[in-house]
Amino acid sequence: MRLHSFLELFDENTKVKVYQDNNILIESYIGDIPQKILNFRYVKNCMIDNSVLIIFTIVKSQEEMDLIEEK
């Protein structure tokens, strides 16, 4: 699922940490995540730890994202 679509399921005041390759990309609130973080990111896994939504992401090209959504 696309990261921006996934985040729409939560309140914008939810604390979140977004990871890529086990490195933190951003630690903020959902409403404060910049568009450049949302672009081309796909949710690989997620969990909640101490009231923080932790999301592990991978980057996919637009073509790869479209193929995933068609399945």
PDB file of N, CA and C in Angstrom:
ATOM      1  N   MET A   1       0.843  -1.169   0.000  1.00  0.00           N
ATOM      2  CA  MET A   1       0.000   0.000   0.000  1.00  0.00           C
ATOM      3  C   MET A   1       0.894   1.240   0.000  1.00  0.00           C
ATOM      4  N   ARG A   2       0.463   2.239  -0.727  1.00  0.00           N
ATOM      5  CA  ARG A   2       1.219   3.493  -0.758  1.00  0.00           C
ATOM      6  C   ARG A   2       1.213   4.127   0.627  1.00  0.00           C
ATOM      7  N   LEU A   3       2.335   4.735   0.975  1.00  0.00           N
ATOM      8  CA  LEU A   3       2.471   5.340   2.295  1.00  0.00           C
ATOM      9  C   LEU A   3       1.410   6.406   2.531  1.00  0.00           C
ATOM     10  N   HIS A   4       1.197   7.286   1.559  1.00  0.00           N
ATOM     11  CA  HIS A   4       0.215   8.360   1.785  1.00  0.00           C
ATOM     12  C   HIS A   4      -1.187   7.807   1.969  1.00  0.00           C
ATOM     13  N   SER A   5      -1.542   6.733   1.272  1.00  0.00           N
ATOM     14  CA  SER A   5      -2.860   6.110   1.445  1.00  0.00           C
ATOM     15  C   SER A   5      -2.977   5.470   2.821  1.00  0.00           C
ATOM     16  N   PHE A   6      -1.919   4.843   3.268  1.00  0.00           N
ATOM     17  CA  PHE A   6      -1.904   4.213   4.592  1.00  0.00           C
ATOM     18  C   PHE A   6      -2.066   5.259   5.691  1.00  0.00           C
ATOM     19  N   LEU A   7      -1.350   6.359   5.576  1.00  0.00           N
ATOM     20  CA  LEU A   7      -1.397   7.390   6.609  1.00  0.00           C
ATOM     21  C   LEU A   7      -2.748   8.084   6.692  1.00  0.00           C
ATOM     22  N   GLU A   8      -3.516   8.055   5.611  1.00  0.00           N
ATOM     23  CA  GLU A   8      -4.853   8.649   5.629  1.00  0.00           C
ATOM     24  C   GLU A   8      -5.790   7.929   6.592  1.00  0.00           C
ATOM     25  N   LEU A   9      -5.427   6.730   7.008  1.00  0.00           N
ATOM     26  CA  LEU A   9      -6.243   5.950   7.929  1.00  0.00           C
ATOM     27  C   LEU A   9      -6.108   6.430   9.372  1.00  0.00           C
ATOM     28  N   PHE A  10      -5.138   7.293   9.637  1.00  0.00           N
ATOM     29  CA  PHE A  10      -4.832   7.732  10.993  1.00  0.00           C
ATOM     30  C   PHE A  10      -5.064   9.232  11.141  1.00  0.00           C
ATOM     31  N   ASP A  11      -5.238   9.658  12.386  1.00  0.00           N
ATOM     32  CA  ASP A  11      -5.367  11.073  12.705  1.00  0.00           C
ATOM     33  C   ASP A  11      -4.055  11.783  12.400  1.00  0.00           C
ATOM     34  N   GLU A  12      -4.138  13.013  11.943  1.00  0.00           N
ATOM     35  CA  GLU A  12      -2.915  13.754  11.586  1.00  0.00           C
ATOM     36  C   GLU A  12      -2.039  14.075  12.792  1.00  0.00           C
ATOM     37  N   ASN A  13      -2.563  13.925  14.006  1.00  0.00           N
ATOM     38  CA  ASN A  13      -1.788  14.181  15.215  1.00  0.00           C
ATOM     39  C   ASN A  13      -1.155  12.915  15.797  1.00  0.00           C
ATOM     40  N   THR A  14      -1.165  11.833  15.031  1.00  0.00           N
ATOM     41  CA  THR A  14      -0.544  10.583  15.451  1.00  0.00           C
ATOM     42  C   THR A  14       0.967  10.694  15.302  1.00  0.00           C
ATOM     43  N   LYS A  15       1.683  10.329  16.358  1.00  0.00           N
ATOM     44  CA  LYS A  15       3.145  10.316  16.277  1.00  0.00           C
ATOM     45  C   LYS A  15       3.573   9.168  15.384  1.00  0.00           C
ATOM     46  N   VAL A  16       4.590   9.418  14.559  1.00  0.00           N
ATOM     47  CA  VAL A  16       5.028   8.427  13.596  1.00  0.00           C
ATOM     48  C   VAL A  16       6.536   8.491  13.404  1.00  0.00           C
ATOM     49  N   LYS A  17       7.125   7.328  13.158  1.00  0.00           N
ATOM     50  CA  LYS A  17       8.517   7.223  12.717  1.00  0.00           C
ATOM     51  C   LYS A  17       8.484   6.457  11.406  1.00  0.00           C
ATOM     52  N   VAL A  18       9.079   7.035  10.374  1.00  0.00           N
ATOM     53  CA  VAL A  18       9.120   6.388   9.065  1.00  0.00           C
ATOM     54  C   VAL A  18      10.567   5.972   8.794  1.00  0.00           C
ATOM     55  N   TYR A  19      10.737   4.697   8.479  1.00  0.00           N
ATOM     56  CA  TYR A  19      12.060   4.125   8.228  1.00  0.00           C
ATOM     57  C   TYR A  19      12.202   3.706   6.772  1.00  0.00           C
ATOM     58  N   GLN A  20      13.425   3.735   6.308  1.00  0.00           N
ATOM     59  CA  GLN A  20      13.806   3.109   5.042  1.00  0.00           C
ATOM     60  C   GLN A  20      15.166   2.480   5.261  1.00  0.00           C
ATOM     61  N   ASP A  21      15.311   1.218   4.921  1.00  0.00           N
ATOM     62  CA  ASP A  21      16.564   0.484   5.114  1.00  0.00           C
ATOM     63  C   ASP A  21      17.066   0.604   6.556  1.00  0.00           C
ATOM     64  N   ASN A  22      16.157   0.466   7.502  1.00  0.00           N
ATOM     65  CA  ASN A  22      16.462   0.520   8.941  1.00  0.00           C
ATOM     66  C   ASN A  22      17.034   1.858   9.405  1.00  0.00           C
ATOM     67  N   ASN A  23      16.882   2.904   8.612  1.00  0.00           N
ATOM     68  CA  ASN A  23      17.283   4.258   8.994  1.00  0.00           C
ATOM     69  C   ASN A  23      16.037   5.122   9.120  1.00  0.00           C
ATOM     70  N   ILE A  24      15.979   5.939  10.158  1.00  0.00           N
ATOM     71  CA  ILE A  24      14.826   6.826  10.332  1.00  0.00           C
ATOM     72  C   ILE A  24      14.875   7.943   9.291  1.00  0.00           C
ATOM     73  N   LEU A  25      13.798   8.035   8.501  1.00  0.00           N
ATOM     74  CA  LEU A  25      13.660   9.135   7.545  1.00  0.00           C
ATOM     75  C   LEU A  25      13.081  10.358   8.227  1.00  0.00           C
ATOM     76  N   ILE A  26      12.090  10.119   9.078  1.00  0.00           N
ATOM     77  CA  ILE A  26      11.438  11.230   9.770  1.00  0.00           C
ATOM     78  C   ILE A  26      10.787  10.710  11.041  1.00  0.00           C
ATOM     79  N   GLU A  27      10.821  11.516  12.063  1.00  0.00           N
ATOM     80  CA  GLU A  27      10.135  11.258  13.319  1.00  0.00           C
ATOM     81  C   GLU A  27       9.318  12.504  13.611  1.00  0.00           C
ATOM     82  N   SER A  28       8.002  12.392  13.485  1.00  0.00           N
ATOM     83  CA  SER A  28       7.158  13.577  13.544  1.00  0.00           C
ATOM     84  C   SER A  28       5.723  13.149  13.805  1.00  0.00           C
ATOM     85  N   TYR A  29       4.798  14.005  13.407  1.00  0.00           N
ATOM     86  CA  TYR A  29       3.375  13.696  13.410  1.00  0.00           C
ATOM     87  C   TYR A  29       2.939  13.505  11.968  1.00  0.00           C
ATOM     88  N   ILE A  30       1.930  12.683  11.766  1.00  0.00           N
ATOM     89  CA  ILE A  30       1.491  12.374  10.405  1.00  0.00           C
ATOM     90  C   ILE A  30       1.205  13.654   9.610  1.00  0.00           C
ATOM     91  N   GLY A  31       0.578  14.633  10.222  1.00  0.00           N
ATOM     92  CA  GLY A  31       0.239  15.867   9.516  1.00  0.00           C
ATOM     93  C   GLY A  31       1.437  16.710   9.121  1.00  0.00           C
ATOM     94  N   ASP A  32       2.603  16.408   9.674  1.00  0.00           N
ATOM     95  CA  ASP A  32       3.805  17.198   9.395  1.00  0.00           C
ATOM     96  C   ASP A  32       4.777  16.524   8.429  1.00  0.00           C
ATOM     97  N   ILE A  33       4.418  15.370   7.895  1.00  0.00           N
ATOM     98  CA  ILE A  33       5.322  14.656   6.991  1.00  0.00           C
ATOM     99  C   ILE A  33       5.330  15.356   5.632  1.00  0.00           C
ATOM    100  N   PRO A  34       6.508  15.755   5.143  1.00  0.00           N
ATOM    101  CA  PRO A  34       6.574  16.448   3.852  1.00  0.00           C
ATOM    102  C   PRO A  34       6.266  15.518   2.675  1.00  0.00           C
ATOM    103  N   GLN A  35       5.780  16.112   1.610  1.00  0.00           N
ATOM    104  CA  GLN A  35       5.416  15.358   0.409  1.00  0.00           C
ATOM    105  C   GLN A  35       6.580  14.535  -0.133  1.00  0.00           C
ATOM    106  N   LYS A  36       7.803  15.042  -0.044  1.00  0.00           N
ATOM    107  CA  LYS A  36       8.949  14.313  -0.595  1.00  0.00           C
ATOM    108  C   LYS A  36       9.158  12.965   0.106  1.00  0.00           C
ATOM    109  N   ILE A  37       8.726  12.847   1.360  1.00  0.00           N
ATOM    110  CA  ILE A  37       8.807  11.565   2.070  1.00  0.00           C
ATOM    111  C   ILE A  37       7.700  10.629   1.571  1.00  0.00           C
ATOM    112  N   LEU A  38       6.546  11.171   1.249  1.00  0.00           N
ATOM    113  CA  LEU A  38       5.399  10.359   0.828  1.00  0.00           C
ATOM    114  C   LEU A  38       5.540   9.818  -0.590  1.00  0.00           C
ATOM    115  N   ASN A  39       6.246  10.522  -1.450  1.00  0.00           N
ATOM    116  CA  ASN A  39       6.351  10.132  -2.857  1.00  0.00           C
ATOM    117  C   ASN A  39       7.031   8.782  -3.032  1.00  0.00           C
ATOM    118  N   PHE A  40       6.397   7.910  -3.783  1.00  0.00           N
ATOM    119  CA  PHE A  40       6.949   6.620  -4.208  1.00  0.00           C
ATOM    120  C   PHE A  40       7.306   5.682  -3.059  1.00  0.00           C
ATOM    121  N   ARG A  41       6.741   5.887  -1.885  1.00  0.00           N
ATOM    122  CA  ARG A  41       7.013   4.982  -0.762  1.00  0.00           C
ATOM    123  C   ARG A  41       5.864   4.009  -0.602  1.00  0.00           C
ATOM    124  N   TYR A  42       6.230   2.799  -0.308  1.00  0.00           N
ATOM    125  CA  TYR A  42       5.315   1.688  -0.141  1.00  0.00           C
ATOM    126  C   TYR A  42       5.524   1.146   1.268  1.00  0.00           C
ATOM    127  N   VAL A  43       4.445   0.864   1.983  1.00  0.00           N
ATOM    128  CA  VAL A  43       4.546   0.339   3.339  1.00  0.00           C
ATOM    129  C   VAL A  43       4.937  -1.131   3.272  1.00  0.00           C
ATOM    130  N   LYS A  44       6.046  -1.442   3.880  1.00  0.00           N
ATOM    131  CA  LYS A  44       6.556  -2.811   3.927  1.00  0.00           C
ATOM    132  C   LYS A  44       6.064  -3.525   5.187  1.00  0.00           C
ATOM    133  N   ASN A  45       6.084  -2.808   6.307  1.00  0.00           N
ATOM    134  CA  ASN A  45       5.673  -3.358   7.589  1.00  0.00           C
ATOM    135  C   ASN A  45       5.390  -2.194   8.518  1.00  0.00           C
ATOM    136  N   CYS A  46       4.617  -2.450   9.562  1.00  0.00           N
ATOM    137  CA  CYS A  46       4.358  -1.396  10.539  1.00  0.00           C
ATOM    138  C   CYS A  46       4.042  -2.013  11.886  1.00  0.00           C
ATOM    139  N   MET A  47       4.161  -1.197  12.921  1.00  0.00           N
ATOM    140  CA  MET A  47       3.814  -1.629  14.271  1.00  0.00           C
ATOM    141  C   MET A  47       3.610  -0.384  15.119  1.00  0.00           C
ATOM    142  N   ILE A  48       3.055  -0.591  16.303  1.00  0.00           N
ATOM    143  CA  ILE A  48       2.896   0.501  17.254  1.00  0.00           C
ATOM    144  C   ILE A  48       3.752   0.174  18.460  1.00  0.00           C
ATOM    145  N   ASP A  49       4.582   1.136  18.870  1.00  0.00           N
ATOM    146  CA  ASP A  49       5.458   0.971  20.021  1.00  0.00           C
ATOM    147  C   ASP A  49       5.369   2.230  20.871  1.00  0.00           C
ATOM    148  N   ASN A  50       4.929   2.084  22.117  1.00  0.00           N
ATOM    149  CA  ASN A  50       4.785   3.232  23.029  1.00  0.00           C
ATOM    150  C   ASN A  50       3.973   4.361  22.394  1.00  0.00           C
ATOM    151  N   SER A  51       2.857   4.024  21.804  1.00  0.00           N
ATOM    152  CA  SER A  51       1.933   4.982  21.175  1.00  0.00           C
ATOM    153  C   SER A  51       2.520   5.693  19.958  1.00  0.00           C
ATOM    154  N   VAL A  52       3.581   5.145  19.373  1.00  0.00           N
ATOM    155  CA  VAL A  52       4.172   5.709  18.161  1.00  0.00           C
ATOM    156  C   VAL A  52       3.980   4.708  17.026  1.00  0.00           C
ATOM    157  N   LEU A  53       3.434   5.177  15.922  1.00  0.00           N
ATOM    158  CA  LEU A  53       3.272   4.346  14.735  1.00  0.00           C
ATOM    159  C   LEU A  53       4.615   4.258  14.027  1.00  0.00           C
ATOM    160  N   ILE A  54       5.136   3.059  13.913  1.00  0.00           N
ATOM    161  CA  ILE A  54       6.436   2.847  13.268  1.00  0.00           C
ATOM    162  C   ILE A  54       6.176   2.162  11.936  1.00  0.00           C
ATOM    163  N   ILE A  55       6.682   2.783  10.868  1.00  0.00           N
ATOM    164  CA  ILE A  55       6.420   2.288   9.518  1.00  0.00           C
ATOM    165  C   ILE A  55       7.743   2.045   8.800  1.00  0.00           C
ATOM    166  N   PHE A  56       7.909   0.847   8.285  1.00  0.00           N
ATOM    167  CA  PHE A  56       9.068   0.501   7.467  1.00  0.00           C
ATOM    168  C   PHE A  56       8.635   0.577   6.013  1.00  0.00           C
ATOM    169  N   THR A  57       9.398   1.317   5.220  1.00  0.00           N
ATOM    170  CA  THR A  57       9.004   1.564   3.835  1.00  0.00           C
ATOM    171  C   THR A  57      10.073   1.104   2.852  1.00  0.00           C
ATOM    172  N   ILE A  58       9.637   0.946   1.624  1.00  0.00           N
ATOM    173  CA  ILE A  58      10.543   0.729   0.500  1.00  0.00           C
ATOM    174  C   ILE A  58      10.140   1.728  -0.582  1.00  0.00           C
ATOM    175  N   VAL A  59      11.082   2.065  -1.433  1.00  0.00           N
ATOM    176  CA  VAL A  59      10.811   3.003  -2.527  1.00  0.00           C
ATOM    177  C   VAL A  59      10.566   2.192  -3.791  1.00  0.00           C
ATOM    178  N   LYS A  60       9.511   2.546  -4.476  1.00  0.00           N
ATOM    179  CA  LYS A  60       9.163   1.895  -5.744  1.00  0.00           C
ATOM    180  C   LYS A  60       8.974   2.966  -6.801  1.00  0.00           C
ATOM    181  N   SER A  61       9.288   2.622  -8.038  1.00  0.00           N
ATOM    182  CA  SER A  61       9.017   3.538  -9.145  1.00  0.00           C
ATOM    183  C   SER A  61       7.508   3.622  -9.354  1.00  0.00           C
ATOM    184  N   GLN A  62       7.056   4.606 -10.091  1.00  0.00           N
ATOM    185  CA  GLN A  62       5.624   4.742 -10.364  1.00  0.00           C
ATOM    186  C   GLN A  62       5.093   3.503 -11.078  1.00  0.00           C
ATOM    187  N   GLU A  63       5.867   2.938 -11.987  1.00  0.00           N
ATOM    188  CA  GLU A  63       5.434   1.746 -12.718  1.00  0.00           C
ATOM    189  C   GLU A  63       5.281   0.558 -11.763  1.00  0.00           C
ATOM    190  N   GLU A  64       6.230   0.377 -10.849  1.00  0.00           N
ATOM    191  CA  GLU A  64       6.139  -0.708  -9.870  1.00  0.00           C
ATOM    192  C   GLU A  64       4.929  -0.516  -8.958  1.00  0.00           C
ATOM    193  N   MET A  65       4.671   0.721  -8.543  1.00  0.00           N
ATOM    194  CA  MET A  65       3.535   1.004  -7.678  1.00  0.00           C
ATOM    195  C   MET A  65       2.225   0.670  -8.397  1.00  0.00           C
ATOM    196  N   ASP A  66       2.111   1.032  -9.660  1.00  0.00           N
ATOM    197  CA  ASP A  66       0.889   0.753 -10.419  1.00  0.00           C
ATOM    198  C   ASP A  66       0.669  -0.744 -10.553  1.00  0.00           C
ATOM    199  N   LEU A  67       1.718  -1.517 -10.783  1.00  0.00           N
ATOM    200  CA  LEU A  67       1.587  -2.965 -10.901  1.00  0.00           C
ATOM    201  C   LEU A  67       1.134  -3.583  -9.581  1.00  0.00           C
ATOM    202  N   ILE A  68       1.660  -3.106  -8.480  1.00  0.00           N
ATOM    203  CA  ILE A  68       1.286  -3.628  -7.163  1.00  0.00           C
ATOM    204  C   ILE A  68      -0.199  -3.365  -6.898  1.00  0.00           C
ATOM    205  N   GLU A  69      -0.665  -2.179  -7.240  1.00  0.00           N
ATOM    206  CA  GLU A  69      -2.059  -1.824  -6.973  1.00  0.00           C
ATOM    207  C   GLU A  69      -3.032  -2.581  -7.870  1.00  0.00           C
ATOM    208  N   GLU A  70      -2.580  -3.046  -9.029  1.00  0.00           N
ATOM    209  CA  GLU A  70      -3.446  -3.794  -9.943  1.00  0.00           C
ATOM    210  C   GLU A  70      -3.703  -5.201  -9.433  1.00  0.00           C
ATOM    211  N   LYS A  71      -2.812  -5.732  -8.623  1.00  0.00           N
ATOM    212  CA  LYS A  71      -2.943  -7.121  -8.135  1.00  0.00           C
ATOM    213  C   LYS A  71      -4.011  -7.280  -7.105  1.00  0.00           C
TER     214      LYS A  71
END
